[in-house]
Every structure is written in structure tokens, then in C-alpha cells.
Amino acid sequence: MKNIPFFVPSEKTIKAKVRQLVFDARPKCPRCRKASPVRRSEQRYRCRKCRRPFSLTSHTWLSSMKISWSKLWTLLCCELRNSI
């Protein structure tokens, strides 16, 4: 196995990238698709229309993730490097 070093950004940077990929320009409620949520914390939102809370990972394959964002980044980088 190749020992290729790579840079792991901060969790804040990783979350910003995921937010950009999941929500495009603006966060949208995964239930009603309304694009005007209220931000409750760094990761949590509440929809103004249906009043349901949601996060970056709500209704995605990451919803029950039990590992840190930095470990997820590392795993994805390793997988991408191995597939090349």
C-alpha cells in the first residue's frame, strides 16, 4: 500500500464543503424543500415552513454517521487515492 501523505482540513472547513455540496447555495429543508431555514447552531437548522429541525446529514447516507468529520475526510481521500 502506498504511503501518500495528504492534508486533512479542520472540521469547520470540512463541514463548509459538505454544506456546499449538499445544499448548493442555500440550505433547504429535506422534508418540504423550502429554502428559508433558521440557523440554530453551526450544524442545526429549523425550517420556517414545517418547523422541523434538520442538519447537514438529515435524510442522507451520512445521517447515522458515528465517526468524526476528519475521519470521514481521511477515509474518502484514501478511497479516492486507491481508485486511481
PDB file of N, CA and C in Angstrom:
ATOM      1  N   MET A   1       0.844  -1.182   0.000  1.00  0.00           N
ATOM      2  CA  MET A   1       0.000   0.000   0.000  1.00  0.00           C
ATOM      3  C   MET A   1       0.887   1.243   0.000  1.00  0.00           C
ATOM      4  N   LYS A   2       0.515   2.198  -0.816  1.00  0.00           N
ATOM      5  CA  LYS A   2       1.301   3.429  -0.902  1.00  0.00           C
ATOM      6  C   LYS A   2       1.068   4.277   0.332  1.00  0.00           C
ATOM      7  N   ASN A   3       2.121   4.895   0.771  1.00  0.00           N
ATOM      8  CA  ASN A   3       2.039   5.776   1.937  1.00  0.00           C
ATOM      9  C   ASN A   3       2.087   7.221   1.440  1.00  0.00           C
ATOM     10  N   ILE A   4       0.955   7.723   0.967  1.00  0.00           N
ATOM     11  CA  ILE A   4       0.889   9.063   0.396  1.00  0.00           C
ATOM     12  C   ILE A   4       0.295  10.010   1.433  1.00  0.00           C
ATOM     13  N   PRO A   5       1.065  10.993   1.874  1.00  0.00           N
ATOM     14  CA  PRO A   5       0.518  11.946   2.852  1.00  0.00           C
ATOM     15  C   PRO A   5      -0.470  12.889   2.172  1.00  0.00           C
ATOM     16  N   PHE A   6      -1.467  13.292   2.913  1.00  0.00           N
ATOM     17  CA  PHE A   6      -2.407  14.289   2.411  1.00  0.00           C
ATOM     18  C   PHE A   6      -2.841  15.181   3.561  1.00  0.00           C
ATOM     19  N   PHE A   7      -3.337  16.332   3.213  1.00  0.00           N
ATOM     20  CA  PHE A   7      -3.732  17.344   4.179  1.00  0.00           C
ATOM     21  C   PHE A   7      -5.170  17.106   4.630  1.00  0.00           C
ATOM     22  N   VAL A   8      -5.393  17.070   5.933  1.00  0.00           N
ATOM     23  CA  VAL A   8      -6.742  16.954   6.485  1.00  0.00           C
ATOM     24  C   VAL A   8      -7.139  18.322   7.026  1.00  0.00           C
ATOM     25  N   PRO A   9      -8.124  18.972   6.396  1.00  0.00           N
ATOM     26  CA  PRO A   9      -8.536  20.303   6.866  1.00  0.00           C
ATOM     27  C   PRO A   9      -9.254  20.234   8.207  1.00  0.00           C
ATOM     28  N   SER A  10      -9.521  21.388   8.762  1.00  0.00           N
ATOM     29  CA  SER A  10     -10.240  21.444  10.040  1.00  0.00           C
ATOM     30  C   SER A  10     -11.674  20.972   9.857  1.00  0.00           C
ATOM     31  N   GLU A  11     -12.318  20.577  10.962  1.00  0.00           N
ATOM     32  CA  GLU A  11     -13.704  20.115  10.902  1.00  0.00           C
ATOM     33  C   GLU A  11     -14.626  21.210  10.368  1.00  0.00           C
ATOM     34  N   LYS A  12     -14.331  22.452  10.714  1.00  0.00           N
ATOM     35  CA  LYS A  12     -15.138  23.580  10.241  1.00  0.00           C
ATOM     36  C   LYS A  12     -15.076  23.682   8.720  1.00  0.00           C
ATOM     37  N   THR A  13     -13.885  23.509   8.158  1.00  0.00           N
ATOM     38  CA  THR A  13     -13.707  23.566   6.714  1.00  0.00           C
ATOM     39  C   THR A  13     -14.402  22.393   6.032  1.00  0.00           C
ATOM     40  N   ILE A  14     -14.298  21.210   6.623  1.00  0.00           N
ATOM     41  CA  ILE A  14     -14.957  20.026   6.062  1.00  0.00           C
ATOM     42  C   ILE A  14     -16.470  20.228   6.052  1.00  0.00           C
ATOM     43  N   LYS A  15     -17.030  20.727   7.147  1.00  0.00           N
ATOM     44  CA  LYS A  15     -18.476  20.967   7.221  1.00  0.00           C
ATOM     45  C   LYS A  15     -18.918  22.007   6.196  1.00  0.00           C
ATOM     46  N   ALA A  16     -18.092  23.016   5.986  1.00  0.00           N
ATOM     47  CA  ALA A  16     -18.423  24.040   4.984  1.00  0.00           C
ATOM     48  C   ALA A  16     -18.460  23.426   3.583  1.00  0.00           C
ATOM     49  N   LYS A  17     -17.513  22.546   3.284  1.00  0.00           N
ATOM     50  CA  LYS A  17     -17.503  21.867   1.986  1.00  0.00           C
ATOM     51  C   LYS A  17     -18.721  20.957   1.829  1.00  0.00           C
ATOM     52  N   VAL A  18     -19.049  20.209   2.874  1.00  0.00           N
ATOM     53  CA  VAL A  18     -20.223  19.330   2.826  1.00  0.00           C
ATOM     54  C   VAL A  18     -21.488  20.168   2.665  1.00  0.00           C
ATOM     55  N   ARG A  19     -21.582  21.275   3.404  1.00  0.00           N
ATOM     56  CA  ARG A  19     -22.738  22.172   3.298  1.00  0.00           C
ATOM     57  C   ARG A  19     -22.896  22.666   1.863  1.00  0.00           C
ATOM     58  N   GLN A  20     -21.778  23.014   1.237  1.00  0.00           N
ATOM     59  CA  GLN A  20     -21.797  23.492  -0.142  1.00  0.00           C
ATOM     60  C   GLN A  20     -22.257  22.384  -1.100  1.00  0.00           C
ATOM     61  N   LEU A  21     -21.794  21.157  -0.883  1.00  0.00           N
ATOM     62  CA  LEU A  21     -22.179  20.040  -1.747  1.00  0.00           C
ATOM     63  C   LEU A  21     -23.640  19.633  -1.550  1.00  0.00           C
ATOM     64  N   VAL A  22     -24.091  19.592  -0.299  1.00  0.00           N
ATOM     65  CA  VAL A  22     -25.445  19.123   0.000  1.00  0.00           C
ATOM     66  C   VAL A  22     -26.493  20.173  -0.358  1.00  0.00           C
ATOM     67  N   PHE A  23     -26.240  21.423   0.007  1.00  0.00           N
ATOM     68  CA  PHE A  23     -27.259  22.461  -0.119  1.00  0.00           C
ATOM     69  C   PHE A  23     -27.077  23.391  -1.310  1.00  0.00           C
ATOM     70  N   ASP A  24     -26.048  23.262  -2.097  1.00  0.00           N
ATOM     71  CA  ASP A  24     -25.734  24.223  -3.157  1.00  0.00           C
ATOM     72  C   ASP A  24     -25.532  25.607  -2.532  1.00  0.00           C
ATOM     73  N   ALA A  25     -26.337  26.581  -2.921  1.00  0.00           N
ATOM     74  CA  ALA A  25     -26.134  27.945  -2.427  1.00  0.00           C
ATOM     75  C   ALA A  25     -26.765  28.167  -1.053  1.00  0.00           C
ATOM     76  N   ARG A  26     -27.975  27.664  -0.844  1.00  0.00           N
ATOM     77  CA  ARG A  26     -28.702  27.911   0.403  1.00  0.00           C
ATOM     78  C   ARG A  26     -29.228  26.605   0.980  1.00  0.00           C
ATOM     79  N   PRO A  27     -29.230  26.482   2.304  1.00  0.00           N
ATOM     80  CA  PRO A  27     -29.792  25.281   2.926  1.00  0.00           C
ATOM     81  C   PRO A  27     -31.285  25.149   2.622  1.00  0.00           C
ATOM     82  N   LYS A  28     -31.724  23.911   2.375  1.00  0.00           N
ATOM     83  CA  LYS A  28     -33.129  23.625   2.113  1.00  0.00           C
ATOM     84  C   LYS A  28     -33.602  22.544   3.067  1.00  0.00           C
ATOM     85  N   CYS A  29     -34.822  22.657   3.485  1.00  0.00           N
ATOM     86  CA  CYS A  29     -35.414  21.639   4.344  1.00  0.00           C
ATOM     87  C   CYS A  29     -35.545  20.342   3.541  1.00  0.00           C
ATOM     88  N   PRO A  30     -35.072  19.223   4.079  1.00  0.00           N
ATOM     89  CA  PRO A  30     -35.176  17.962   3.338  1.00  0.00           C
ATOM     90  C   PRO A  30     -36.608  17.440   3.259  1.00  0.00           C
ATOM     91  N   ARG A  31     -37.513  17.930   4.093  1.00  0.00           N
ATOM     92  CA  ARG A  31     -38.907  17.460   4.063  1.00  0.00           C
ATOM     93  C   ARG A  31     -39.773  18.262   3.102  1.00  0.00           C
ATOM     94  N   CYS A  32     -39.777  19.584   3.232  1.00  0.00           N
ATOM     95  CA  CYS A  32     -40.668  20.402   2.400  1.00  0.00           C
ATOM     96  C   CYS A  32     -39.926  21.149   1.292  1.00  0.00           C
ATOM     97  N   ARG A  33     -38.600  21.091   1.273  1.00  0.00           N
ATOM     98  CA  ARG A  33     -37.730  21.705   0.268  1.00  0.00           C
ATOM     99  C   ARG A  33     -37.765  23.229   0.278  1.00  0.00           C
ATOM    100  N   LYS A  34     -38.264  23.827   1.347  1.00  0.00           N
ATOM    101  CA  LYS A  34     -38.275  25.284   1.485  1.00  0.00           C
ATOM    102  C   LYS A  34     -36.852  25.755   1.774  1.00  0.00           C
ATOM    103  N   ALA A  35     -36.438  26.856   1.140  1.00  0.00           N
ATOM    104  CA  ALA A  35     -35.055  27.323   1.259  1.00  0.00           C
ATOM    105  C   ALA A  35     -34.929  28.535   2.174  1.00  0.00           C
ATOM    106  N   SER A  36     -35.644  28.538   3.283  1.00  0.00           N
ATOM    107  CA  SER A  36     -35.505  29.669   4.221  1.00  0.00           C
ATOM    108  C   SER A  36     -35.458  29.175   5.661  1.00  0.00           C
ATOM    109  N   PRO A  37     -34.446  28.410   6.010  1.00  0.00           N
ATOM    110  CA  PRO A  37     -34.364  27.898   7.378  1.00  0.00           C
ATOM    111  C   PRO A  37     -33.792  28.923   8.351  1.00  0.00           C
ATOM    112  N   VAL A  38     -34.019  28.668   9.611  1.00  0.00           N
ATOM    113  CA  VAL A  38     -33.415  29.451  10.682  1.00  0.00           C
ATOM    114  C   VAL A  38     -32.246  28.624  11.206  1.00  0.00           C
ATOM    115  N   ARG A  39     -31.089  29.232  11.304  1.00  0.00           N
ATOM    116  CA  ARG A  39     -29.914  28.514  11.795  1.00  0.00           C
ATOM    117  C   ARG A  39     -29.934  28.519  13.313  1.00  0.00           C
ATOM    118  N   ARG A  40     -29.934  27.330  13.919  1.00  0.00           N
ATOM    119  CA  ARG A  40     -29.979  27.201  15.372  1.00  0.00           C
ATOM    120  C   ARG A  40     -28.588  27.083  15.978  1.00  0.00           C
ATOM    121  N   SER A  41     -27.693  26.445  15.263  1.00  0.00           N
ATOM    122  CA  SER A  41     -26.306  26.300  15.703  1.00  0.00           C
ATOM    123  C   SER A  41     -25.463  26.095  14.450  1.00  0.00           C
ATOM    124  N   GLU A  42     -24.208  25.740  14.632  1.00  0.00           N
ATOM    125  CA  GLU A  42     -23.330  25.575  13.475  1.00  0.00           C
ATOM    126  C   GLU A  42     -23.813  24.463  12.546  1.00  0.00           C
ATOM    127  N   GLN A  43     -24.421  23.424  13.112  1.00  0.00           N
ATOM    128  CA  GLN A  43     -24.851  22.290  12.300  1.00  0.00           C
ATOM    129  C   GLN A  43     -26.359  22.131  12.194  1.00  0.00           C
ATOM    130  N   ARG A  44     -27.114  22.787  13.032  1.00  0.00           N
ATOM    131  CA  ARG A  44     -28.559  22.553  13.094  1.00  0.00           C
ATOM    132  C   ARG A  44     -29.352  23.719  12.515  1.00  0.00           C
ATOM    133  N   TYR A  45     -30.443  23.373  11.825  1.00  0.00           N
ATOM    134  CA  TYR A  45     -31.350  24.346  11.243  1.00  0.00           C
ATOM    135  C   TYR A  45     -32.784  23.979  11.648  1.00  0.00           C
ATOM    136  N   ARG A  46     -33.687  24.947  11.496  1.00  0.00           N
ATOM    137  CA  ARG A  46     -35.117  24.694  11.683  1.00  0.00           C
ATOM    138  C   ARG A  46     -35.839  25.340  10.509  1.00  0.00           C
ATOM    139  N   CYS A  47     -36.724  24.580   9.895  1.00  0.00           N
ATOM    140  CA  CYS A  47     -37.476  25.074   8.748  1.00  0.00           C
ATOM    141  C   CYS A  47     -38.548  26.061   9.213  1.00  0.00           C
ATOM    142  N   ARG A  48     -38.673  27.174   8.512  1.00  0.00           N
ATOM    143  CA  ARG A  48     -39.701  28.161   8.866  1.00  0.00           C
ATOM    144  C   ARG A  48     -41.090  27.697   8.454  1.00  0.00           C
ATOM    145  N   LYS A  49     -41.169  26.877   7.410  1.00  0.00           N
ATOM    146  CA  LYS A  49     -42.473  26.439   6.916  1.00  0.00           C
ATOM    147  C   LYS A  49     -43.030  25.272   7.732  1.00  0.00           C
ATOM    148  N   CYS A  50     -42.286  24.168   7.806  1.00  0.00           N
ATOM    149  CA  CYS A  50     -42.804  22.986   8.517  1.00  0.00           C
ATOM    150  C   CYS A  50     -42.293  22.893   9.956  1.00  0.00           C
ATOM    151  N   ARG A  51     -41.389  23.774  10.344  1.00  0.00           N
ATOM    152  CA  ARG A  51     -40.859  23.890  11.703  1.00  0.00           C
ATOM    153  C   ARG A  51     -40.097  22.643  12.170  1.00  0.00           C
ATOM    154  N   ARG A  52     -39.643  21.827  11.246  1.00  0.00           N
ATOM    155  CA  ARG A  52     -38.864  20.631  11.591  1.00  0.00           C
ATOM    156  C   ARG A  52     -37.385  20.960  11.660  1.00  0.00           C
ATOM    157  N   PRO A  53     -36.684  20.400  12.652  1.00  0.00           N
ATOM    158  CA  PRO A  53     -35.229  20.591  12.690  1.00  0.00           C
ATOM    159  C   PRO A  53     -34.547  19.668  11.680  1.00  0.00           C
ATOM    160  N   PHE A  54     -33.422  20.125  11.166  1.00  0.00           N
ATOM    161  CA  PHE A  54     -32.616  19.286  10.278  1.00  0.00           C
ATOM    162  C   PHE A  54     -31.158  19.723  10.356  1.00  0.00           C
ATOM    163  N   SER A  55     -30.292  18.906   9.797  1.00  0.00           N
ATOM    164  CA  SER A  55     -28.860  19.178   9.826  1.00  0.00           C
ATOM    165  C   SER A  55     -28.258  18.909   8.457  1.00  0.00           C
ATOM    166  N   LEU A  56     -26.948  19.020   8.361  1.00  0.00           N
ATOM    167  CA  LEU A  56     -26.245  18.742   7.111  1.00  0.00           C
ATOM    168  C   LEU A  56     -26.482  17.317   6.630  1.00  0.00           C
ATOM    169  N   THR A  57     -26.614  16.407   7.554  1.00  0.00           N
ATOM    170  CA  THR A  57     -26.697  14.989   7.196  1.00  0.00           C
ATOM    171  C   THR A  57     -28.115  14.431   7.199  1.00  0.00           C
ATOM    172  N   SER A  58     -29.119  15.237   7.511  1.00  0.00           N
ATOM    173  CA  SER A  58     -30.501  14.747   7.547  1.00  0.00           C
ATOM    174  C   SER A  58     -30.916  14.195   6.187  1.00  0.00           C
ATOM    175  N   HIS A  59     -31.513  13.011   6.212  1.00  0.00           N
ATOM    176  CA  HIS A  59     -32.030  12.348   5.007  1.00  0.00           C
ATOM    177  C   HIS A  59     -30.941  12.078   3.972  1.00  0.00           C
ATOM    178  N   THR A  60     -29.729  11.799   4.428  1.00  0.00           N
ATOM    179  CA  THR A  60     -28.640  11.403   3.541  1.00  0.00           C
ATOM    180  C   THR A  60     -28.028  10.111   4.076  1.00  0.00           C
ATOM    181  N   TRP A  61     -27.106   9.552   3.330  1.00  0.00           N
ATOM    182  CA  TRP A  61     -26.440   8.331   3.788  1.00  0.00           C
ATOM    183  C   TRP A  61     -25.529   8.606   4.979  1.00  0.00           C
ATOM    184  N   LEU A  62     -25.296   9.875   5.297  1.00  0.00           N
ATOM    185  CA  LEU A  62     -24.472  10.237   6.447  1.00  0.00           C
ATOM    186  C   LEU A  62     -25.281  10.449   7.721  1.00  0.00           C
ATOM    187  N   SER A  63     -26.584  10.246   7.671  1.00  0.00           N
ATOM    188  CA  SER A  63     -27.447  10.601   8.796  1.00  0.00           C
ATOM    189  C   SER A  63     -27.131   9.856  10.090  1.00  0.00           C
ATOM    190  N   SER A  64     -26.651   8.650  10.015  1.00  0.00           N
ATOM    191  CA  SER A  64     -26.326   7.916  11.240  1.00  0.00           C
ATOM    192  C   SER A  64     -24.815   7.734  11.406  1.00  0.00           C
ATOM    193  N   MET A  65     -24.071   8.687  10.893  1.00  0.00           N
ATOM    194  CA  MET A  65     -22.617   8.630  10.958  1.00  0.00           C
ATOM    195  C   MET A  65     -22.135   8.706  12.407  1.00  0.00           C
ATOM    196  N   LYS A  66     -21.260   7.805  12.778  1.00  0.00           N
ATOM    197  CA  LYS A  66     -20.732   7.758  14.142  1.00  0.00           C
ATOM    198  C   LYS A  66     -19.255   8.121  14.224  1.00  0.00           C
ATOM    199  N   ILE A  67     -18.682   8.546  13.111  1.00  0.00           N
ATOM    200  CA  ILE A  67     -17.269   8.926  13.112  1.00  0.00           C
ATOM    201  C   ILE A  67     -17.154  10.441  12.939  1.00  0.00           C
ATOM    202  N   SER A  68     -16.001  10.970  13.241  1.00  0.00           N
ATOM    203  CA  SER A  68     -15.790  12.413  13.126  1.00  0.00           C
ATOM    204  C   SER A  68     -15.679  12.810  11.651  1.00  0.00           C
ATOM    205  N   TRP A  69     -15.867  14.096  11.408  1.00  0.00           N
ATOM    206  CA  TRP A  69     -15.755  14.615  10.051  1.00  0.00           C
ATOM    207  C   TRP A  69     -14.340  14.434   9.502  1.00  0.00           C
ATOM    208  N   SER A  70     -13.334  14.589  10.346  1.00  0.00           N
ATOM    209  CA  SER A  70     -11.952  14.432   9.875  1.00  0.00           C
ATOM    210  C   SER A  70     -11.661  12.977   9.498  1.00  0.00           C
ATOM    211  N   LYS A  71     -12.224  12.025  10.237  1.00  0.00           N
ATOM    212  CA  LYS A  71     -12.041  10.613   9.877  1.00  0.00           C
ATOM    213  C   LYS A  71     -12.770  10.302   8.572  1.00  0.00           C
ATOM    214  N   LEU A  72     -13.952  10.860   8.388  1.00  0.00           N
ATOM    215  CA  LEU A  72     -14.677  10.663   7.139  1.00  0.00           C
ATOM    216  C   LEU A  72     -13.866  11.216   5.973  1.00  0.00           C
ATOM    217  N   TRP A  73     -13.309  12.411   6.132  1.00  0.00           N
ATOM    218  CA  TRP A  73     -12.470  13.023   5.092  1.00  0.00           C
ATOM    219  C   TRP A  73     -11.291  12.107   4.751  1.00  0.00           C
ATOM    220  N   THR A  74     -10.632  11.590   5.794  1.00  0.00           N
ATOM    221  CA  THR A  74      -9.484  10.706   5.592  1.00  0.00           C
ATOM    222  C   THR A  74      -9.892   9.439   4.843  1.00  0.00           C
ATOM    223  N   LEU A  75     -11.009   8.842   5.232  1.00  0.00           N
ATOM    224  CA  LEU A  75     -11.495   7.634   4.551  1.00  0.00           C
ATOM    225  C   LEU A  75     -11.810   7.904   3.083  1.00  0.00           C
ATOM    226  N   LEU A  76     -12.470   9.021   2.810  1.00  0.00           N
ATOM    227  CA  LEU A  76     -12.807   9.358   1.428  1.00  0.00           C
ATOM    228  C   LEU A  76     -11.551   9.621   0.600  1.00  0.00           C
ATOM    229  N   CYS A  77     -10.580  10.313   1.178  1.00  0.00           N
ATOM    230  CA  CYS A  77      -9.320  10.560   0.463  1.00  0.00           C
ATOM    231  C   CYS A  77      -8.596   9.260   0.163  1.00  0.00           C
ATOM    232  N   CYS A  78      -8.553   8.360   1.120  1.00  0.00           N
ATOM    233  CA  CYS A  78      -7.895   7.063   0.904  1.00  0.00           C
ATOM    234  C   CYS A  78      -8.611   6.270  -0.180  1.00  0.00           C
ATOM    235  N   GLU A  79      -9.923   6.275  -0.148  1.00  0.00           N
ATOM    236  CA  GLU A  79     -10.703   5.555  -1.156  1.00  0.00           C
ATOM    237  C   GLU A  79     -10.471   6.139  -2.548  1.00  0.00           C
ATOM    238  N   LEU A  80     -10.447   7.450  -2.641  1.00  0.00           N
ATOM    239  CA  LEU A  80     -10.204   8.082  -3.940  1.00  0.00           C
ATOM    240  C   LEU A  80      -8.801   7.796  -4.448  1.00  0.00           C
ATOM    241  N   ARG A  81      -7.824   7.823  -3.572  1.00  0.00           N
ATOM    242  CA  ARG A  81      -6.437   7.543  -3.981  1.00  0.00           C
ATOM    243  C   ARG A  81      -6.277   6.088  -4.422  1.00  0.00           C
ATOM    244  N   ASN A  82      -6.993   5.180  -3.786  1.00  0.00           N
ATOM    245  CA  ASN A  82      -6.895   3.766  -4.153  1.00  0.00           C
ATOM    246  C   ASN A  82      -7.617   3.462  -5.461  1.00  0.00           C
ATOM    247  N   SER A  83      -8.583   4.270  -5.821  1.00  0.00           N
ATOM    248  CA  SER A  83      -9.333   4.008  -7.046  1.00  0.00           C
ATOM    249  C   SER A  83      -8.656   4.565  -8.298  1.00  0.00           C
ATOM    250  N   ILE A  84      -7.629   5.367  -8.094  1.00  0.00           N
ATOM    251  CA  ILE A  84      -6.932   5.961  -9.257  1.00  0.00           C
ATOM    252  C   ILE A  84      -5.927   4.988  -9.818  1.00  0.00           C
TER     253      ILE A  84
END
